[in-house]
PDB file of all heavy atoms in Angstrom:
ATOM      1  N   ASP A   1      69.510 -48.414   2.780  1.00  0.00           N
ATOM      2  CA  ASP A   1      68.221 -47.718   2.677  1.00  0.00           C
ATOM      3  C   ASP A   1      67.321 -48.070   3.856  1.00  0.00           C
ATOM      4  O   ASP A   1      66.657 -47.193   4.438  1.00  0.00           O
ATOM      5  CB  ASP A   1      67.535 -48.089   1.363  1.00  0.00           C
ATOM      6  CG  ASP A   1      68.246 -47.505   0.151  1.00  0.00           C
ATOM      7  OD1 ASP A   1      69.012 -46.540   0.331  1.00  0.00           O
ATOM      8  OD2 ASP A   1      68.047 -48.025  -0.964  1.00  0.00           O
ATOM      9  N   ILE A   2      67.283 -49.355   4.227  1.00  0.00           N
ATOM     10  CA  ILE A   2      66.453 -49.782   5.350  1.00  0.00           C
ATOM     11  C   ILE A   2      66.917 -49.100   6.636  1.00  0.00           C
ATOM     12  O   ILE A   2      66.106 -48.602   7.431  1.00  0.00           O
ATOM     13  CB  ILE A   2      66.494 -51.314   5.490  1.00  0.00           C
ATOM     14  CG1 ILE A   2      65.807 -51.983   4.295  1.00  0.00           C
ATOM     15  CG2 ILE A   2      65.839 -51.759   6.794  1.00  0.00           C
ATOM     16  CD1 ILE A   2      65.935 -53.498   4.293  1.00  0.00           C
ATOM     17  N   ALA A   3      68.230 -49.076   6.855  1.00  0.00           N
ATOM     18  CA  ALA A   3      68.767 -48.462   8.074  1.00  0.00           C
ATOM     19  C   ALA A   3      68.496 -46.965   8.107  1.00  0.00           C
ATOM     20  O   ALA A   3      68.176 -46.400   9.159  1.00  0.00           O
ATOM     21  CB  ALA A   3      70.261 -48.740   8.179  1.00  0.00           C
ATOM     22  N   SER A   4      68.612 -46.297   6.960  1.00  0.00           N
ATOM     23  CA  SER A   4      68.374 -44.856   6.911  1.00  0.00           C
ATOM     24  C   SER A   4      66.910 -44.537   7.220  1.00  0.00           C
ATOM     25  O   SER A   4      66.615 -43.610   8.001  1.00  0.00           O
ATOM     26  CB  SER A   4      68.755 -44.312   5.536  1.00  0.00           C
ATOM     27  OG  SER A   4      68.494 -42.931   5.440  1.00  0.00           O
ATOM     28  N   ASN A   5      65.984 -45.298   6.648  1.00  0.00           N
ATOM     29  CA  ASN A   5      64.564 -45.083   6.939  1.00  0.00           C
ATOM     30  C   ASN A   5      64.250 -45.384   8.401  1.00  0.00           C
ATOM     31  O   ASN A   5      63.452 -44.682   9.042  1.00  0.00           O
ATOM     32  CB  ASN A   5      63.708 -45.951   6.021  1.00  0.00           C
ATOM     33  CG  ASN A   5      63.811 -45.534   4.560  1.00  0.00           C
ATOM     34  OD1 ASN A   5      64.095 -44.368   4.264  1.00  0.00           O
ATOM     35  ND2 ASN A   5      63.592 -46.470   3.650  1.00  0.00           N
ATOM     36  N   ALA A   6      64.886 -46.441   8.939  1.00  0.00           N
ATOM     37  CA  ALA A   6      64.672 -46.781  10.349  1.00  0.00           C
ATOM     38  C   ALA A   6      65.189 -45.673  11.258  1.00  0.00           C
ATOM     39  O   ALA A   6      64.577 -45.359  12.292  1.00  0.00           O
ATOM     40  CB  ALA A   6      65.345 -48.107  10.682  1.00  0.00           C
ATOM     41  N   MET A   7      66.325 -45.067  10.887  1.00  0.00           N
ATOM     42  CA  MET A   7      66.869 -43.972  11.684  1.00  0.00           C
ATOM     43  C   MET A   7      65.915 -42.780  11.703  1.00  0.00           C
ATOM     44  O   MET A   7      65.675 -42.163  12.756  1.00  0.00           O
ATOM     45  CB  MET A   7      68.239 -43.555  11.144  1.00  0.00           C
ATOM     46  CG  MET A   7      68.870 -42.383  11.873  1.00  0.00           C
ATOM     47  SD  MET A   7      69.251 -42.734  13.612  1.00  0.00           S
ATOM     48  CE  MET A   7      70.693 -43.804  13.416  1.00  0.00           C
ATOM     49  N   ASP A   8      65.320 -42.448  10.549  1.00  0.00           N
ATOM     50  CA  ASP A   8      64.367 -41.339  10.497  1.00  0.00           C
ATOM     51  C   ASP A   8      63.165 -41.611  11.403  1.00  0.00           C
ATOM     52  O   ASP A   8      62.701 -40.720  12.129  1.00  0.00           O
ATOM     53  CB  ASP A   8      63.907 -41.113   9.058  1.00  0.00           C
ATOM     54  CG  ASP A   8      65.034 -40.633   8.153  1.00  0.00           C
ATOM     55  OD1 ASP A   8      66.031 -40.106   8.694  1.00  0.00           O
ATOM     56  OD2 ASP A   8      64.923 -40.789   6.926  1.00  0.00           O
ATOM     57  N   GLU A   9      62.666 -42.862  11.366  1.00  0.00           N
ATOM     58  CA  GLU A   9      61.516 -43.200  12.199  1.00  0.00           C
ATOM     59  C   GLU A   9      61.882 -43.165  13.681  1.00  0.00           C
ATOM     60  O   GLU A   9      61.114 -42.665  14.514  1.00  0.00           O
ATOM     61  CB  GLU A   9      60.981 -44.581  11.816  1.00  0.00           C
ATOM     62  CG  GLU A   9      59.784 -45.014  12.639  1.00  0.00           C
ATOM     63  CD  GLU A   9      59.168 -46.313  12.165  1.00  0.00           C
ATOM     64  OE1 GLU A   9      59.204 -46.583  10.937  1.00  0.00           O
ATOM     65  OE2 GLU A   9      58.646 -47.069  13.014  1.00  0.00           O
ATOM     66  N   LEU A  10      63.067 -43.682  14.025  1.00  0.00           N
ATOM     67  CA  LEU A  10      63.477 -43.698  15.426  1.00  0.00           C
ATOM     68  C   LEU A  10      63.598 -42.289  15.981  1.00  0.00           C
ATOM     69  O   LEU A  10      63.159 -42.014  17.113  1.00  0.00           O
ATOM     70  CB  LEU A  10      64.811 -44.439  15.586  1.00  0.00           C
ATOM     71  CG  LEU A  10      65.400 -44.411  16.994  1.00  0.00           C
ATOM     72  CD1 LEU A  10      64.536 -45.210  17.959  1.00  0.00           C
ATOM     73  CD2 LEU A  10      66.839 -44.937  17.005  1.00  0.00           C
ATOM     74  N   ILE A  11      64.178 -41.370  15.217  1.00  0.00           N
ATOM     75  CA  ILE A  11      64.353 -40.006  15.707  1.00  0.00           C
ATOM     76  C   ILE A  11      62.998 -39.364  15.986  1.00  0.00           C
ATOM     77  O   ILE A  11      62.819 -38.653  16.993  1.00  0.00           O
ATOM     78  CB  ILE A  11      65.174 -39.182  14.693  1.00  0.00           C
ATOM     79  CG1 ILE A  11      66.630 -39.702  14.671  1.00  0.00           C
ATOM     80  CG2 ILE A  11      65.149 -37.705  15.042  1.00  0.00           C
ATOM     81  CD1 ILE A  11      67.497 -39.028  13.648  1.00  0.00           C
ATOM     82  N   ARG A  12      62.009 -39.639  15.142  1.00  0.00           N
ATOM     83  CA  ARG A  12      60.668 -39.106  15.403  1.00  0.00           C
ATOM     84  C   ARG A  12      60.063 -39.749  16.655  1.00  0.00           C
ATOM     85  O   ARG A  12      59.400 -39.075  17.446  1.00  0.00           O
ATOM     86  CB  ARG A  12      59.766 -39.342  14.192  1.00  0.00           C
ATOM     87  CG  ARG A  12      60.159 -38.531  12.966  1.00  0.00           C
ATOM     88  CD  ARG A  12      59.112 -38.625  11.889  1.00  0.00           C
ATOM     89  NE  ARG A  12      57.840 -38.024  12.292  1.00  0.00           N
ATOM     90  CZ  ARG A  12      56.748 -37.999  11.519  1.00  0.00           C
ATOM     91  NH1 ARG A  12      56.787 -38.549  10.307  1.00  0.00           N
ATOM     92  NH2 ARG A  12      55.641 -37.438  11.950  1.00  0.00           N
ATOM     93  N   LEU A  13      60.310 -41.045  16.839  1.00  0.00           N
ATOM     94  CA  LEU A  13      59.811 -41.707  18.041  1.00  0.00           C
ATOM     95  C   LEU A  13      60.480 -41.166  19.296  1.00  0.00           C
ATOM     96  O   LEU A  13      59.872 -41.094  20.369  1.00  0.00           O
ATOM     97  CB  LEU A  13      60.029 -43.218  17.940  1.00  0.00           C
ATOM     98  CG  LEU A  13      59.184 -43.981  16.926  1.00  0.00           C
ATOM     99  CD1 LEU A  13      59.649 -45.433  16.830  1.00  0.00           C
ATOM    100  CD2 LEU A  13      57.713 -43.938  17.317  1.00  0.00           C
ATOM    101  N   LEU A  14      61.741 -40.797  19.181  1.00  0.00           N
ATOM    102  CA  LEU A  14      62.477 -40.286  20.330  1.00  0.00           C
ATOM    103  C   LEU A  14      62.070 -38.858  20.693  1.00  0.00           C
ATOM    104  O   LEU A  14      62.024 -38.496  21.869  1.00  0.00           O
ATOM    105  CB  LEU A  14      63.980 -40.340  20.046  1.00  0.00           C
ATOM    106  CG  LEU A  14      64.636 -41.722  20.024  1.00  0.00           C
ATOM    107  CD1 LEU A  14      66.013 -41.647  19.387  1.00  0.00           C
ATOM    108  CD2 LEU A  14      64.744 -42.294  21.429  1.00  0.00           C
ATOM    109  N   GLN A  15      61.787 -38.056  19.676  1.00  0.00           N
ATOM    110  CA  GLN A  15      61.586 -36.627  19.904  1.00  0.00           C
ATOM    111  C   GLN A  15      60.120 -36.220  19.988  1.00  0.00           C
ATOM    112  O   GLN A  15      59.824 -35.082  20.345  1.00  0.00           O
ATOM    113  CB  GLN A  15      62.282 -35.836  18.792  1.00  0.00           C
ATOM    114  CG  GLN A  15      63.794 -36.035  18.776  1.00  0.00           C
ATOM    115  CD  GLN A  15      64.477 -35.282  17.658  1.00  0.00           C
ATOM    116  OE1 GLN A  15      63.832 -34.810  16.716  1.00  0.00           O
ATOM    117  NE2 GLN A  15      65.792 -35.164  17.737  1.00  0.00           N
ATOM    118  N   THR A  16      59.186 -37.115  19.652  1.00  0.00           N
ATOM    119  CA  THR A  16      57.761 -36.786  19.656  1.00  0.00           C
ATOM    120  C   THR A  16      57.103 -37.370  20.900  1.00  0.00           C
ATOM    121  O   THR A  16      57.366 -38.516  21.271  1.00  0.00           O
ATOM    122  CB  THR A  16      57.075 -37.333  18.393  1.00  0.00           C
ATOM    123  OG1 THR A  16      57.761 -36.860  17.234  1.00  0.00           O
ATOM    124  CG2 THR A  16      55.622 -36.887  18.338  1.00  0.00           C
ATOM    125  N   ASN A  17      56.263 -36.597  21.528  1.00  0.00           N
ATOM    126  CA  ASN A  17      55.493 -37.094  22.677  1.00  0.00           C
ATOM    127  C   ASN A  17      54.097 -37.479  22.209  1.00  0.00           C
ATOM    128  O   ASN A  17      53.915 -38.484  21.550  1.00  0.00           O
ATOM    129  CB  ASN A  17      55.465 -36.041  23.780  1.00  0.00           C
ATOM    130  CG  ASN A  17      56.849 -35.793  24.361  1.00  0.00           C
ATOM    131  OD1 ASN A  17      57.633 -36.731  24.509  1.00  0.00           O
ATOM    132  ND2 ASN A  17      57.155 -34.554  24.685  1.00  0.00           N
ATOM    133  N   GLU A  18      53.092 -36.723  22.530  1.00  0.00           N
ATOM    134  CA  GLU A  18      51.765 -36.983  21.995  1.00  0.00           C
ATOM    135  C   GLU A  18      51.732 -36.547  20.530  1.00  0.00           C
ATOM    136  O   GLU A  18      52.393 -35.575  20.162  1.00  0.00           O
ATOM    137  CB  GLU A  18      50.708 -36.220  22.798  1.00  0.00           C
ATOM    138  CG  GLU A  18      50.610 -36.674  24.243  1.00  0.00           C
ATOM    139  CD  GLU A  18      49.552 -35.912  25.019  1.00  0.00           C
ATOM    140  OE1 GLU A  18      49.018 -34.927  24.458  1.00  0.00           O
ATOM    141  OE2 GLU A  18      49.259 -36.291  26.155  1.00  0.00           O
ATOM    142  N   PRO A  19      51.001 -37.228  19.652  1.00  0.00           N
ATOM    143  CA  PRO A  19      50.066 -38.329  19.935  1.00  0.00           C
ATOM    144  C   PRO A  19      50.683 -39.721  19.827  1.00  0.00           C
ATOM    145  O   PRO A  19      49.972 -40.704  19.923  1.00  0.00           O
ATOM    146  CB  PRO A  19      49.024 -38.132  18.833  1.00  0.00           C
ATOM    147  CG  PRO A  19      49.838 -37.638  17.665  1.00  0.00           C
ATOM    148  CD  PRO A  19      50.925 -36.788  18.241  1.00  0.00           C
ATOM    149  N   LEU A  20      52.032 -39.803  19.624  1.00  0.00           N
ATOM    150  CA  LEU A  20      52.640 -41.122  19.458  1.00  0.00           C
ATOM    151  C   LEU A  20      52.707 -41.889  20.771  1.00  0.00           C
ATOM    152  O   LEU A  20      52.531 -43.102  20.801  1.00  0.00           O
ATOM    153  CB  LEU A  20      54.050 -40.980  18.873  1.00  0.00           C
ATOM    154  CG  LEU A  20      54.146 -40.873  17.354  1.00  0.00           C
ATOM    155  CD1 LEU A  20      55.584 -40.632  16.931  1.00  0.00           C
ATOM    156  CD2 LEU A  20      53.613 -42.134  16.699  1.00  0.00           C
ATOM    157  N   TRP A  21      52.976 -41.192  21.865  1.00  0.00           N
ATOM    158  CA  TRP A  21      53.172 -41.849  23.147  1.00  0.00           C
ATOM    159  C   TRP A  21      52.094 -41.426  24.143  1.00  0.00           C
ATOM    160  O   TRP A  21      51.613 -40.291  24.106  1.00  0.00           O
ATOM    161  CB  TRP A  21      54.558 -41.515  23.716  1.00  0.00           C
ATOM    162  CG  TRP A  21      55.667 -41.988  22.849  1.00  0.00           C
ATOM    163  CD1 TRP A  21      56.353 -41.257  21.919  1.00  0.00           C
ATOM    164  CD2 TRP A  21      56.211 -43.301  22.802  1.00  0.00           C
ATOM    165  NE1 TRP A  21      57.297 -42.032  21.297  1.00  0.00           N
ATOM    166  CE2 TRP A  21      57.237 -43.307  21.820  1.00  0.00           C
ATOM    167  CE3 TRP A  21      55.953 -44.488  23.490  1.00  0.00           C
ATOM    168  CZ2 TRP A  21      57.985 -44.430  21.520  1.00  0.00           C
ATOM    169  CZ3 TRP A  21      56.705 -45.616  23.184  1.00  0.00           C
ATOM    170  CH2 TRP A  21      57.699 -45.588  22.219  1.00  0.00           C
ATOM    171  N   MET A  22      51.748 -42.342  25.014  1.00  0.00           N
ATOM    172  CA  MET A  22      50.763 -42.061  26.051  1.00  0.00           C
ATOM    173  C   MET A  22      51.194 -42.763  27.330  1.00  0.00           C
ATOM    174  O   MET A  22      52.010 -43.687  27.313  1.00  0.00           O
ATOM    175  CB  MET A  22      49.377 -42.536  25.610  1.00  0.00           C
ATOM    176  CG  MET A  22      49.287 -44.021  25.323  1.00  0.00           C
ATOM    177  SD  MET A  22      47.650 -44.497  24.714  1.00  0.00           S
ATOM    178  CE  MET A  22      47.863 -46.284  24.543  1.00  0.00           C
ATOM    179  N   LYS A  23      50.651 -42.319  28.449  1.00  0.00           N
ATOM    180  CA  LYS A  23      50.973 -42.891  29.749  1.00  0.00           C
ATOM    181  C   LYS A  23      50.039 -44.069  30.037  1.00  0.00           C
ATOM    182  O   LYS A  23      48.825 -43.976  29.859  1.00  0.00           O
ATOM    183  CB  LYS A  23      50.824 -41.844  30.847  1.00  0.00           C
ATOM    184  CG  LYS A  23      51.871 -40.743  30.808  1.00  0.00           C
ATOM    185  CD  LYS A  23      53.242 -41.252  31.231  1.00  0.00           C
ATOM    186  CE  LYS A  23      54.248 -40.104  31.311  1.00  0.00           C
ATOM    187  NZ  LYS A  23      55.581 -40.581  31.752  1.00  0.00           N
ATOM    188  N   SER A  24      50.634 -45.189  30.486  1.00  0.00           N
ATOM    189  CA  SER A  24      49.840 -46.339  30.876  1.00  0.00           C
ATOM    190  C   SER A  24      49.344 -46.155  32.305  1.00  0.00           C
ATOM    191  O   SER A  24      49.673 -45.176  32.978  1.00  0.00           O
ATOM    192  CB  SER A  24      50.664 -47.622  30.762  1.00  0.00           C
ATOM    193  OG  SER A  24      51.751 -47.596  31.678  1.00  0.00           O
ATOM    194  N   ALA A  25      48.567 -47.114  32.787  1.00  0.00           N
ATOM    195  CA  ALA A  25      48.000 -47.003  34.134  1.00  0.00           C
ATOM    196  C   ALA A  25      49.077 -46.961  35.203  1.00  0.00           C
ATOM    197  O   ALA A  25      48.895 -46.341  36.256  1.00  0.00           O
ATOM    198  CB  ALA A  25      47.041 -48.164  34.388  1.00  0.00           C
ATOM    199  N   ASP A  26      50.221 -47.606  34.957  1.00  0.00           N
ATOM    200  CA  ASP A  26      51.299 -47.612  35.952  1.00  0.00           C
ATOM    201  C   ASP A  26      52.353 -46.543  35.681  1.00  0.00           C
ATOM    202  O   ASP A  26      53.448 -46.580  36.235  1.00  0.00           O
ATOM    203  CB  ASP A  26      51.962 -48.991  36.005  1.00  0.00           C
ATOM    204  CG  ASP A  26      52.442 -49.450  34.634  1.00  0.00           C
ATOM    205  OD1 ASP A  26      52.221 -48.716  33.649  1.00  0.00           O
ATOM    206  OD2 ASP A  26      53.028 -50.548  34.549  1.00  0.00           O
ATOM    207  N   GLY A  27      52.041 -45.579  34.783  1.00  0.00           N
ATOM    208  CA  GLY A  27      52.935 -44.451  34.564  1.00  0.00           C
ATOM    209  C   GLY A  27      54.000 -44.665  33.511  1.00  0.00           C
ATOM    210  O   GLY A  27      54.835 -43.776  33.297  1.00  0.00           O
ATOM    211  N   ARG A  28      53.998 -45.798  32.826  1.00  0.00           N
ATOM    212  CA  ARG A  28      54.998 -46.060  31.780  1.00  0.00           C
ATOM    213  C   ARG A  28      54.599 -45.375  30.480  1.00  0.00           C
ATOM    214  O   ARG A  28      53.414 -45.149  30.212  1.00  0.00           O
ATOM    215  CB  ARG A  28      55.146 -47.566  31.549  1.00  0.00           C
ATOM    216  CG  ARG A  28      55.602 -48.329  32.773  1.00  0.00           C
ATOM    217  CD  ARG A  28      55.490 -49.830  32.552  1.00  0.00           C
ATOM    218  NE  ARG A  28      56.248 -50.273  31.400  1.00  0.00           N
ATOM    219  CZ  ARG A  28      55.706 -50.903  30.349  1.00  0.00           C
ATOM    220  NH1 ARG A  28      54.405 -51.142  30.306  1.00  0.00           N
ATOM    221  NH2 ARG A  28      56.457 -51.296  29.351  1.00  0.00           N
ATOM    222  N   GLU A  29      55.602 -45.064  29.654  1.00  0.00           N
ATOM    223  CA  GLU A  29      55.341 -44.524  28.325  1.00  0.00           C
ATOM    224  C   GLU A  29      55.190 -45.680  27.346  1.00  0.00           C
ATOM    225  O   GLU A  29      56.145 -46.425  27.117  1.00  0.00           O
ATOM    226  CB  GLU A  29      56.482 -43.606  27.883  1.00  0.00           C
ATOM    227  CG  GLU A  29      56.414 -42.205  28.432  1.00  0.00           C
ATOM    228  CD  GLU A  29      57.382 -41.276  27.743  1.00  0.00           C
ATOM    229  OE1 GLU A  29      58.590 -41.574  27.763  1.00  0.00           O
ATOM    230  OE2 GLU A  29      56.954 -40.257  27.177  1.00  0.00           O
ATOM    231  N   VAL A  30      53.999 -45.812  26.768  1.00  0.00           N
ATOM    232  CA  VAL A  30      53.729 -46.873  25.796  1.00  0.00           C
ATOM    233  C   VAL A  30      53.245 -46.234  24.501  1.00  0.00           C
ATOM    234  O   VAL A  30      52.738 -45.105  24.484  1.00  0.00           O
ATOM    235  CB  VAL A  30      52.695 -47.886  26.329  1.00  0.00           C
ATOM    236  CG1 VAL A  30      53.247 -48.622  27.535  1.00  0.00           C
ATOM    237  CG2 VAL A  30      51.389 -47.190  26.684  1.00  0.00           C
ATOM    238  N   LEU A  31      53.374 -46.982  23.415  1.00  0.00           N
ATOM    239  CA  LEU A  31      53.071 -46.462  22.091  1.00  0.00           C
ATOM    240  C   LEU A  31      51.563 -46.491  21.835  1.00  0.00           C
ATOM    241  O   LEU A  31      50.888 -47.481  22.138  1.00  0.00           O
ATOM    242  CB  LEU A  31      53.798 -47.296  21.035  1.00  0.00           C
ATOM    243  CG  LEU A  31      53.898 -46.723  19.624  1.00  0.00           C
ATOM    244  CD1 LEU A  31      54.708 -45.426  19.639  1.00  0.00           C
ATOM    245  CD2 LEU A  31      54.560 -47.748  18.696  1.00  0.00           C
ATOM    246  N   ASN A  32      51.051 -45.412  21.284  1.00  0.00           N
ATOM    247  CA  ASN A  32      49.671 -45.365  20.817  1.00  0.00           C
ATOM    248  C   ASN A  32      49.643 -45.988  19.423  1.00  0.00           C
ATOM    249  O   ASN A  32      50.035 -45.362  18.430  1.00  0.00           O
ATOM    250  CB  ASN A  32      49.175 -43.918  20.779  1.00  0.00           C
ATOM    251  CG  ASN A  32      47.697 -43.817  20.469  1.00  0.00           C
ATOM    252  OD1 ASN A  32      47.173 -44.543  19.623  1.00  0.00           O
ATOM    253  ND2 ASN A  32      47.015 -42.900  21.151  1.00  0.00           N
ATOM    254  N   LEU A  33      49.201 -47.244  19.341  1.00  0.00           N
ATOM    255  CA  LEU A  33      49.330 -48.001  18.103  1.00  0.00           C
ATOM    256  C   LEU A  33      48.528 -47.397  16.963  1.00  0.00           C
ATOM    257  O   LEU A  33      48.970 -47.409  15.802  1.00  0.00           O
ATOM    258  CB  LEU A  33      48.912 -49.455  18.337  1.00  0.00           C
ATOM    259  CG  LEU A  33      49.827 -50.262  19.264  1.00  0.00           C
ATOM    260  CD1 LEU A  33      49.299 -51.682  19.429  1.00  0.00           C
ATOM    261  CD2 LEU A  33      51.251 -50.290  18.727  1.00  0.00           C
ATOM    262  N   GLU A  34      47.333 -46.875  17.251  1.00  0.00           N
ATOM    263  CA  GLU A  34      46.520 -46.299  16.182  1.00  0.00           C
ATOM    264  C   GLU A  34      47.225 -45.108  15.539  1.00  0.00           C
ATOM    265  O   GLU A  34      47.310 -45.000  14.307  1.00  0.00           O
ATOM    266  CB  GLU A  34      45.157 -45.884  16.733  1.00  0.00           C
ATOM    267  CG  GLU A  34      44.281 -47.059  17.171  1.00  0.00           C
ATOM    268  CD  GLU A  34      42.920 -46.591  17.640  1.00  0.00           C
ATOM    269  OE1 GLU A  34      42.670 -45.365  17.592  1.00  0.00           O
ATOM    270  OE2 GLU A  34      42.120 -47.446  18.058  1.00  0.00           O
ATOM    271  N   ASN A  35      47.729 -44.213  16.339  1.00  0.00           N
ATOM    272  CA  ASN A  35      48.444 -43.056  15.791  1.00  0.00           C
ATOM    273  C   ASN A  35      49.755 -43.469  15.131  1.00  0.00           C
ATOM    274  O   ASN A  35      50.166 -42.878  14.124  1.00  0.00           O
ATOM    275  CB  ASN A  35      48.709 -42.039  16.899  1.00  0.00           C
ATOM    276  CG  ASN A  35      47.430 -41.396  17.415  1.00  0.00           C
ATOM    277  OD1 ASN A  35      46.447 -41.290  16.688  1.00  0.00           O
ATOM    278  ND2 ASN A  35      47.436 -40.982  18.678  1.00  0.00           N
ATOM    279  N   TYR A  36      50.414 -44.467  15.714  1.00  0.00           N
ATOM    280  CA  TYR A  36      51.678 -44.940  15.131  1.00  0.00           C
ATOM    281  C   TYR A  36      51.449 -45.493  13.731  1.00  0.00           C
ATOM    282  O   TYR A  36      52.205 -45.184  12.795  1.00  0.00           O
ATOM    283  CB  TYR A  36      52.289 -45.997  16.046  1.00  0.00           C
ATOM    284  CG  TYR A  36      53.517 -46.676  15.468  1.00  0.00           C
ATOM    285  CD1 TYR A  36      54.712 -45.983  15.288  1.00  0.00           C
ATOM    286  CD2 TYR A  36      53.485 -48.024  15.108  1.00  0.00           C
ATOM    287  CE1 TYR A  36      55.834 -46.604  14.771  1.00  0.00           C
ATOM    288  CE2 TYR A  36      54.601 -48.658  14.591  1.00  0.00           C
ATOM    289  CZ  TYR A  36      55.771 -47.947  14.423  1.00  0.00           C
ATOM    290  OH  TYR A  36      56.875 -48.568  13.896  1.00  0.00           O
ATOM    291  N   GLU A  37      50.419 -46.307  13.550  1.00  0.00           N
ATOM    292  CA  GLU A  37      50.150 -46.896  12.238  1.00  0.00           C
ATOM    293  C   GLU A  37      49.700 -45.836  11.240  1.00  0.00           C
ATOM    294  O   GLU A  37      49.937 -45.971  10.038  1.00  0.00           O
ATOM    295  CB  GLU A  37      49.095 -47.990  12.375  1.00  0.00           C
ATOM    296  CG  GLU A  37      49.595 -49.208  13.142  1.00  0.00           C
ATOM    297  CD  GLU A  37      48.488 -50.217  13.413  1.00  0.00           C
ATOM    298  OE1 GLU A  37      47.353 -49.979  12.950  1.00  0.00           O
ATOM    299  OE2 GLU A  37      48.773 -51.231  14.076  1.00  0.00           O
TER     300      GLU A  37
END
């Protein structure tokens, strides 16, 4: 069950851009913690 739920979350993290991910000052993709939570 834990692995299945983790897989669902990972796929959303992989396939979703904004608002989960944002660009840092050096151009890296970092997680938007407020939206993630």
